[in-house]
Amino acid sequence: MAPPPIVRIEHVTKRFGDYPAVEDVSLDIAANELFALLGPSGCGKTTLLRMLAGFERPSAGRILIGGADMTTVPPNRRPVNMVFQSYAVFPHMTVADNVAYGLRVDGTPAGEIAPRVDAALEMVRLGGYRARMPEQLSGGQRQRVALARALVKRPKVLLLDEPLSALDRKLREDMQLELVRLQHEVGITFVMVTHDQEEALSMANRVAVMDAGRVLQIADPRTLYENPTHRFVADFIGTMNTFDVEVSGVEGDRVRVRHPLLGELEVARAAPHVTGGVLIIRPEKLRLDFSTPPVAGERMLDAVIEQVAYYGDLSFVFIRLDDGTRLQVSRYNINRVDQGDPPPGRRCRVGIHPEDLLLVDDGG
């Protein structure tokens, strides 16, 4: 029997006037899980995080943390702490005083404060920075101070609101690894809000993809990428090619579809509720071909090269089919037999295997 979730959100809705920022969201978050709320700006992910923190109160529904109903409990009485996008490090306090601040406000005995501060700073690898001022720290180090200040209070759940968005790309990648390491070491639940797909996929155990106040899909990163259930999720997680099709039959987890160029074929559907929608396929599953015979089972479509974008280890080739459909193909440049990328205007064929196609819901 699975242990009870550390966080349970039951049919939570939040309205600002007539606008539903969050609409009937239900989800469970396990203890010791790194859980991400992912979606574009305005999708409701930050509002949901603020309701977990207690800064906003739901218009309907319940929020339970550790089995206790926290729906109306004020922020300072919840077993959570929050790390903000802007760090919110006090500029006039040393690193040690920043980390100790919450303990002093809570009335922690003086003899406990210093060892807990030291332990928190060691956790975030800032053990030798106690006496430094925030102005003497890099952006990544200030973010670590904010993390230490949150962790020193030993919350059951740590909430992270776009914690790495203010950092440059290289530092952000380094801090992603640090946060995952830290979450494993401290063994508490992290709930992170982000709009960065790569960040969510590389860090989280599970991801909830949100749009227009609703949760469209919750799954581990590999499932979200390989088996999205909605067109929005497919488009938002990475890059996706789509084909509009007519469904002619459904049998079990397979559907029969018809497309003007692909013809009649049988494909998988993303979920039992999907009985119509669009076919999707990732760029890396398309095979660009100039002269070799078709691979067994492939459907070959004529196309022309429109543009090529070179990224070192791979190239993105943008092609146009004869019916005007535009597709993106990934070509990995490591150990490639051919030299260079095809020039724009060159005719080619693209190989598509039906097993790599998936029918997803066109709504949401």
Protein backbone atom coordinates (compact mmCIF):
# COMPACT_ATOMS: atom_id res chain seq x y z
CA MET A 1 0.00 0.00 0.00
CA ALA A 2 1.40 3.38 -1.02
CA PRO A 3 2.04 5.91 1.76
CA PRO A 4 -0.34 8.89 1.90
CA PRO A 5 0.73 11.97 -0.10
CA ILE A 6 2.45 14.82 1.70
CA VAL A 7 0.37 17.30 -0.35
CA ARG A 8 -3.19 16.73 -1.52
CA ILE A 9 -5.03 19.32 -3.60
CA GLU A 10 -8.74 18.57 -3.91
CA HIS A 11 -10.87 20.34 -6.56
CA VAL A 12 -9.17 23.68 -5.97
CA THR A 13 -10.44 26.72 -7.84
CA LYS A 14 -9.21 30.29 -7.53
CA ARG A 15 -11.11 33.18 -9.10
CA PHE A 16 -10.08 36.81 -9.29
CA GLY A 17 -13.42 38.43 -9.93
CA ASP A 18 -14.92 36.47 -12.81
CA TYR A 19 -11.53 35.22 -14.00
CA PRO A 20 -10.69 31.59 -13.03
CA ALA A 21 -6.90 31.60 -12.51
CA VAL A 22 -7.05 27.98 -11.31
CA GLU A 23 -9.97 25.75 -12.23
CA ASP A 24 -10.90 22.51 -10.42
CA VAL A 25 -7.35 21.22 -9.92
CA SER A 26 -6.84 17.94 -8.04
CA LEU A 27 -3.43 16.31 -7.57
CA ASP A 28 -1.31 14.44 -5.03
CA ILE A 29 2.39 15.02 -4.33
CA ALA A 30 4.38 12.27 -2.63
CA ALA A 31 6.79 12.69 0.25
CA ASN A 32 10.41 13.25 -0.86
CA GLU A 33 9.30 14.02 -4.41
CA LEU A 34 10.57 16.81 -6.65
CA PHE A 35 7.35 17.88 -8.33
CA ALA A 36 7.14 20.56 -11.04
CA LEU A 37 4.24 22.76 -12.10
CA LEU A 38 4.97 23.60 -15.73
CA GLY A 39 3.20 25.90 -18.14
CA PRO A 40 3.25 29.24 -19.95
CA SER A 41 2.78 32.60 -18.28
CA GLY A 42 -0.77 33.03 -16.99
CA CYS A 43 -1.57 29.31 -16.84
CA GLY A 44 -2.21 29.37 -13.06
CA LYS A 45 0.92 27.58 -11.80
CA THR A 46 2.17 30.43 -9.59
CA THR A 47 -1.33 31.03 -8.20
CA LEU A 48 -1.50 27.34 -7.28
CA LEU A 49 1.90 27.57 -5.57
CA ARG A 50 0.82 30.68 -3.66
CA MET A 51 -2.28 28.82 -2.43
CA LEU A 52 0.02 26.05 -1.16
CA ALA A 53 2.06 28.69 0.65
CA GLY A 54 -1.05 30.35 2.09
CA PHE A 55 -0.59 33.70 0.31
CA GLU A 56 -3.83 33.13 -1.60
CA ARG A 57 -6.98 31.39 -0.37
CA PRO A 58 -8.89 29.05 -2.71
CA SER A 59 -12.32 30.12 -3.90
CA ALA A 60 -13.31 26.43 -3.67
CA GLY A 61 -11.68 23.15 -2.75
CA ARG A 62 -9.20 22.00 -0.09
CA ILE A 63 -5.44 21.86 0.39
CA LEU A 64 -4.01 19.26 2.76
CA ILE A 65 -0.37 19.09 3.85
CA GLY A 66 0.77 16.14 5.92
CA GLY A 67 -2.85 15.04 6.20
CA ALA A 68 -3.97 18.32 7.84
CA ASP A 69 -6.39 20.72 6.14
CA MET A 70 -4.41 23.92 5.48
CA THR A 71 -6.99 25.68 3.34
CA THR A 72 -7.54 28.54 5.79
CA VAL A 73 -4.29 28.28 7.80
CA PRO A 74 -2.09 31.42 7.51
CA PRO A 75 1.35 31.14 5.86
CA ASN A 76 3.39 31.36 9.07
CA ARG A 77 1.58 28.33 10.53
CA ARG A 78 2.07 26.02 7.55
CA PRO A 79 4.89 23.43 7.44
CA VAL A 80 6.20 24.94 4.20
CA ASN A 81 8.75 27.52 3.16
CA MET A 82 9.12 29.37 -0.10
CA VAL A 83 12.07 30.44 -2.25
CA PHE A 84 11.20 33.33 -4.54
CA GLN A 85 12.35 34.15 -8.04
CA SER A 86 14.09 37.31 -6.81
CA TYR A 87 15.90 35.50 -3.94
CA ALA A 88 14.66 38.14 -1.42
CA VAL A 89 18.03 38.06 0.40
CA PHE A 90 18.37 40.93 2.90
CA PRO A 91 21.19 43.16 1.54
CA HIS A 92 22.14 44.62 4.95
CA MET A 93 22.67 41.22 6.65
CA THR A 94 25.55 38.80 6.42
CA VAL A 95 24.99 35.37 4.93
CA ALA A 96 24.74 33.83 8.40
CA ASP A 97 22.26 36.45 9.59
CA ASN A 98 20.14 35.98 6.48
CA VAL A 99 19.90 32.25 7.13
CA ALA A 100 19.25 32.74 10.85
CA TYR A 101 16.54 35.36 10.35
CA GLY A 102 13.55 33.00 10.26
CA LEU A 103 14.78 31.05 13.29
CA ARG A 104 15.09 34.26 15.33
CA VAL A 105 11.61 35.41 14.29
CA ASP A 106 10.23 32.03 15.41
CA GLY A 107 11.92 32.36 18.80
CA THR A 108 14.31 29.43 18.35
CA PRO A 109 16.62 29.11 21.39
CA ALA A 110 19.87 30.97 20.76
CA GLY A 111 21.99 27.88 21.38
CA GLU A 112 20.29 26.06 18.48
CA ILE A 113 20.59 28.79 15.88
CA ALA A 114 24.33 28.73 15.08
CA PRO A 115 24.63 24.95 14.56
CA ARG A 116 21.49 24.88 12.42
CA VAL A 117 22.75 27.79 10.32
CA ASP A 118 26.11 26.06 9.89
CA ALA A 119 24.41 22.83 8.82
CA ALA A 120 22.17 24.65 6.31
CA LEU A 121 25.14 26.50 4.79
CA GLU A 122 27.10 23.26 4.47
CA MET A 123 24.10 21.73 2.71
CA VAL A 124 24.23 24.40 0.01
CA ARG A 125 28.06 24.42 -0.07
CA LEU A 126 28.48 27.86 1.43
CA GLY A 127 30.18 26.80 4.65
CA GLY A 128 32.96 29.38 4.31
CA TYR A 129 30.69 32.30 3.46
CA ARG A 130 29.09 33.05 6.83
CA ALA A 131 30.50 36.59 7.19
CA ARG A 132 30.04 37.73 3.59
CA MET A 133 27.48 40.32 2.54
CA PRO A 134 25.06 39.60 -0.35
CA GLU A 135 26.83 42.17 -2.56
CA GLN A 136 29.96 40.01 -2.37
CA LEU A 137 28.14 36.97 -3.77
CA SER A 138 27.33 35.82 -7.29
CA GLY A 139 23.74 35.29 -8.38
CA GLY A 140 24.06 31.55 -7.85
CA GLN A 141 25.49 32.04 -4.37
CA ARG A 142 22.65 34.41 -3.41
CA GLN A 143 20.18 31.79 -4.60
CA ARG A 144 21.91 29.25 -2.36
CA VAL A 145 21.58 31.62 0.59
CA ALA A 146 17.85 31.83 -0.08
CA LEU A 147 17.69 28.03 -0.19
CA ALA A 148 19.61 27.71 3.07
CA ARG A 149 17.30 30.24 4.75
CA ALA A 150 14.29 28.16 3.68
CA LEU A 151 15.80 24.78 4.58
CA VAL A 152 17.06 25.86 8.00
CA LYS A 153 13.45 25.90 9.24
CA ARG A 154 13.07 22.22 8.29
CA PRO A 155 9.80 22.51 6.34
CA LYS A 156 7.87 19.46 5.22
CA VAL A 157 7.53 21.04 1.78
CA LEU A 158 9.82 23.52 0.03
CA LEU A 159 8.12 25.71 -2.57
CA LEU A 160 10.25 27.16 -5.37
CA ASP A 161 8.83 29.93 -7.57
CA GLU A 162 10.86 30.07 -10.81
CA PRO A 163 13.99 29.70 -8.65
CA LEU A 164 16.55 29.77 -11.47
CA SER A 165 15.02 32.14 -14.03
CA ALA A 166 17.23 35.10 -13.04
CA LEU A 167 20.46 33.15 -13.67
CA ASP A 168 22.39 32.94 -16.93
CA ARG A 169 22.18 29.68 -18.89
CA LYS A 170 25.39 28.02 -17.68
CA LEU A 171 24.78 28.90 -14.03
CA ARG A 172 21.15 27.80 -14.35
CA GLU A 173 22.26 24.38 -15.61
CA ASP A 174 24.73 24.06 -12.72
CA MET A 175 22.07 25.05 -10.19
CA GLN A 176 19.61 22.53 -11.65
CA LEU A 177 22.06 19.75 -10.72
CA GLU A 178 22.63 21.33 -7.32
CA LEU A 179 18.92 21.49 -6.54
CA VAL A 180 18.42 17.84 -7.49
CA ARG A 181 21.41 16.85 -5.33
CA LEU A 182 20.11 18.95 -2.45
CA GLN A 183 16.60 17.50 -2.67
CA HIS A 184 18.01 13.97 -2.52
CA GLU A 185 20.22 14.83 0.45
CA VAL A 186 17.65 16.62 2.61
CA GLY A 187 14.87 14.19 1.70
CA ILE A 188 11.96 16.64 1.74
CA THR A 189 9.37 17.44 -0.90
CA PHE A 190 10.19 20.17 -3.41
CA VAL A 191 7.36 21.75 -5.41
CA MET A 192 8.76 23.91 -8.19
CA VAL A 193 7.06 26.32 -10.59
CA THR A 194 8.74 26.81 -13.95
CA HIS A 195 7.96 27.75 -17.54
CA ASP A 196 11.18 26.09 -18.74
CA GLN A 197 10.46 22.66 -20.25
CA GLU A 198 14.10 21.50 -20.10
CA GLU A 199 14.32 22.53 -16.46
CA ALA A 200 11.22 20.54 -15.53
CA LEU A 201 12.20 17.45 -17.54
CA SER A 202 15.77 17.33 -16.21
CA MET A 203 14.92 17.92 -12.55
CA ALA A 204 11.46 16.64 -11.59
CA ASN A 205 10.26 13.17 -10.68
CA ARG A 206 6.83 14.15 -12.00
CA VAL A 207 5.50 17.15 -13.86
CA ALA A 208 2.02 18.69 -14.01
CA VAL A 209 1.49 20.56 -17.27
CA MET A 210 -0.98 23.42 -16.89
CA ASP A 211 -2.83 25.64 -19.33
CA ALA A 212 -5.64 28.14 -18.76
CA GLY A 213 -5.92 27.24 -15.08
CA ARG A 214 -6.28 23.49 -15.67
CA VAL A 215 -3.93 20.55 -15.26
CA LEU A 216 -3.82 18.74 -18.60
CA GLN A 217 -1.46 15.89 -17.72
CA ILE A 218 0.62 14.66 -14.78
CA ALA A 219 3.41 12.20 -15.51
CA ASP A 220 7.10 11.49 -15.23
CA PRO A 221 9.26 13.42 -17.74
CA ARG A 222 9.79 10.48 -20.12
CA THR A 223 6.04 9.78 -20.34
CA LEU A 224 5.25 13.45 -20.98
CA TYR A 225 7.74 13.54 -23.82
CA GLU A 226 7.01 10.16 -25.38
CA ASN A 227 3.28 9.88 -24.64
CA PRO A 228 1.59 13.29 -24.29
CA THR A 229 -2.20 13.02 -24.19
CA HIS A 230 -3.02 16.54 -25.45
CA ARG A 231 -1.80 18.56 -28.40
CA PHE A 232 -0.92 21.41 -26.05
CA VAL A 233 1.30 19.14 -23.95
CA ALA A 234 2.94 17.72 -27.08
CA ASP A 235 3.71 21.21 -28.39
CA PHE A 236 4.85 22.59 -25.04
CA ILE A 237 7.18 19.71 -24.16
CA GLY A 238 9.84 19.93 -26.85
CA THR A 239 9.09 20.21 -30.57
CA MET A 240 6.34 18.27 -32.28
CA ASN A 241 5.19 17.66 -35.85
CA THR A 242 1.45 17.24 -36.40
CA PHE A 243 -0.83 15.77 -39.06
CA ASP A 244 -4.57 16.41 -39.25
CA VAL A 245 -6.32 13.09 -39.86
CA GLU A 246 -9.74 11.48 -40.06
CA VAL A 247 -10.41 8.62 -37.63
CA SER A 248 -12.17 5.70 -39.30
CA GLY A 249 -12.18 3.19 -36.42
CA VAL A 250 -11.11 2.48 -32.84
CA GLU A 251 -10.10 -0.90 -31.46
CA GLY A 252 -8.51 -1.13 -28.02
CA ASP A 253 -5.52 1.20 -27.79
CA ARG A 254 -5.22 1.43 -31.60
CA VAL A 255 -7.03 3.66 -34.09
CA ARG A 256 -7.39 3.57 -37.84
CA VAL A 257 -6.80 6.94 -39.47
CA ARG A 258 -6.70 8.41 -42.96
CA HIS A 259 -4.37 11.16 -44.22
CA PRO A 260 -4.09 12.47 -47.82
CA LEU A 261 -0.34 11.75 -48.02
CA LEU A 262 0.16 9.02 -45.43
CA GLY A 263 -2.87 7.06 -46.64
CA GLU A 264 -4.68 4.56 -44.39
CA LEU A 265 -2.77 3.40 -41.34
CA GLU A 266 -3.21 2.07 -37.82
CA VAL A 267 -1.58 3.99 -34.96
CA ALA A 268 -1.55 4.12 -31.17
CA ARG A 269 -3.72 6.54 -29.25
CA ALA A 270 -2.38 8.43 -26.24
CA ALA A 271 -5.19 7.54 -23.82
CA PRO A 272 -8.56 5.71 -23.78
CA HIS A 273 -10.50 8.98 -24.04
CA VAL A 274 -8.78 9.92 -27.31
CA THR A 275 -11.10 8.95 -30.17
CA GLY A 276 -10.19 11.85 -32.46
CA GLY A 277 -7.58 14.55 -32.74
CA VAL A 278 -4.21 14.93 -34.45
CA LEU A 279 -1.28 12.64 -35.20
CA ILE A 280 2.03 13.70 -33.67
CA ILE A 281 5.64 12.65 -34.20
CA ARG A 282 8.89 14.00 -32.73
CA PRO A 283 11.54 15.48 -35.10
CA GLU A 284 14.13 12.86 -34.12
CA LYS A 285 11.81 10.05 -35.26
CA LEU A 286 11.63 11.30 -38.82
CA ARG A 287 14.23 9.99 -41.29
CA LEU A 288 15.53 12.36 -43.92
CA ASP A 289 16.40 10.47 -47.10
CA PHE A 290 18.04 11.40 -50.40
CA SER A 291 18.86 8.14 -52.12
CA THR A 292 18.57 5.00 -49.97
CA PRO A 293 15.69 2.50 -50.35
CA PRO A 294 12.75 2.79 -47.92
CA VAL A 295 13.06 1.05 -44.57
CA ALA A 296 10.55 -1.78 -44.10
CA GLY A 297 7.17 -0.43 -42.99
CA GLU A 298 7.99 3.23 -43.58
CA ARG A 299 5.76 5.69 -45.39
CA MET A 300 7.89 7.87 -47.67
CA LEU A 301 6.79 11.43 -48.44
CA ASP A 302 8.32 13.81 -50.99
CA ALA A 303 9.55 17.14 -49.67
CA VAL A 304 11.89 20.07 -50.24
CA ILE A 305 14.47 21.53 -47.82
CA GLU A 306 13.47 25.03 -46.68
CA GLN A 307 16.01 25.86 -43.97
CA VAL A 308 18.72 24.27 -41.82
CA ALA A 309 19.73 25.34 -38.30
CA TYR A 310 23.10 23.98 -37.09
CA TYR A 311 23.59 23.45 -33.33
CA GLY A 312 26.85 21.52 -33.20
CA ASP A 313 25.82 18.07 -32.04
CA LEU A 314 22.64 18.21 -34.13
CA SER A 315 20.97 20.13 -36.91
CA PHE A 316 17.30 20.99 -37.32
CA VAL A 317 16.17 20.61 -40.91
CA PHE A 318 12.91 22.35 -41.83
CA ILE A 319 11.16 20.75 -44.79
CA ARG A 320 7.94 21.33 -46.75
CA LEU A 321 5.85 18.45 -48.04
CA ASP A 322 4.22 18.63 -51.44
CA ASP A 323 0.85 19.51 -49.87
CA GLY A 324 2.42 22.50 -48.07
CA THR A 325 2.76 20.84 -44.63
CA ARG A 326 5.92 21.95 -42.84
CA LEU A 327 7.90 19.51 -40.69
CA GLN A 328 11.02 19.70 -38.55
CA VAL A 329 13.59 16.89 -38.67
CA SER A 330 16.45 16.40 -36.17
CA ARG A 331 19.73 15.15 -37.63
CA TYR A 332 22.41 14.18 -35.14
CA ASN A 333 25.87 15.19 -36.34
CA ILE A 334 27.84 12.73 -34.20
CA ASN A 335 29.24 9.88 -36.34
CA ARG A 336 27.28 11.02 -39.39
CA VAL A 337 28.44 9.31 -42.57
CA ASP A 338 27.47 12.20 -44.82
CA GLN A 339 29.29 15.52 -44.69
CA GLY A 340 27.46 18.73 -44.00
CA ASP A 341 23.76 19.60 -44.15
CA PRO A 342 21.56 19.67 -47.26
CA PRO A 343 21.15 23.09 -48.89
CA PRO A 344 17.78 24.86 -49.03
CA GLY A 345 15.85 23.97 -52.16
CA ARG A 346 17.11 20.41 -52.41
CA ARG A 347 14.48 17.74 -52.98
CA CYS A 348 14.34 14.89 -50.48
CA ARG A 349 12.07 12.30 -48.96
CA VAL A 350 11.12 11.87 -45.34
CA GLY A 351 10.55 8.42 -43.85
CA ILE A 352 7.78 8.03 -41.26
CA HIS A 353 7.17 4.78 -39.42
CA PRO A 354 3.54 4.31 -38.27
CA GLU A 355 4.75 2.94 -34.91
CA ASP A 356 6.23 6.36 -34.13
CA LEU A 357 2.93 8.17 -34.69
CA LEU A 358 0.55 8.89 -31.83
CA LEU A 359 -3.02 10.18 -31.87
CA VAL A 360 -3.59 12.84 -29.20
CA ASP A 361 -6.52 14.98 -28.07
CA ASP A 362 -6.70 18.17 -30.14
CA GLY A 363 -8.45 20.04 -27.32
CA GLY A 364 -6.73 21.46 -24.25
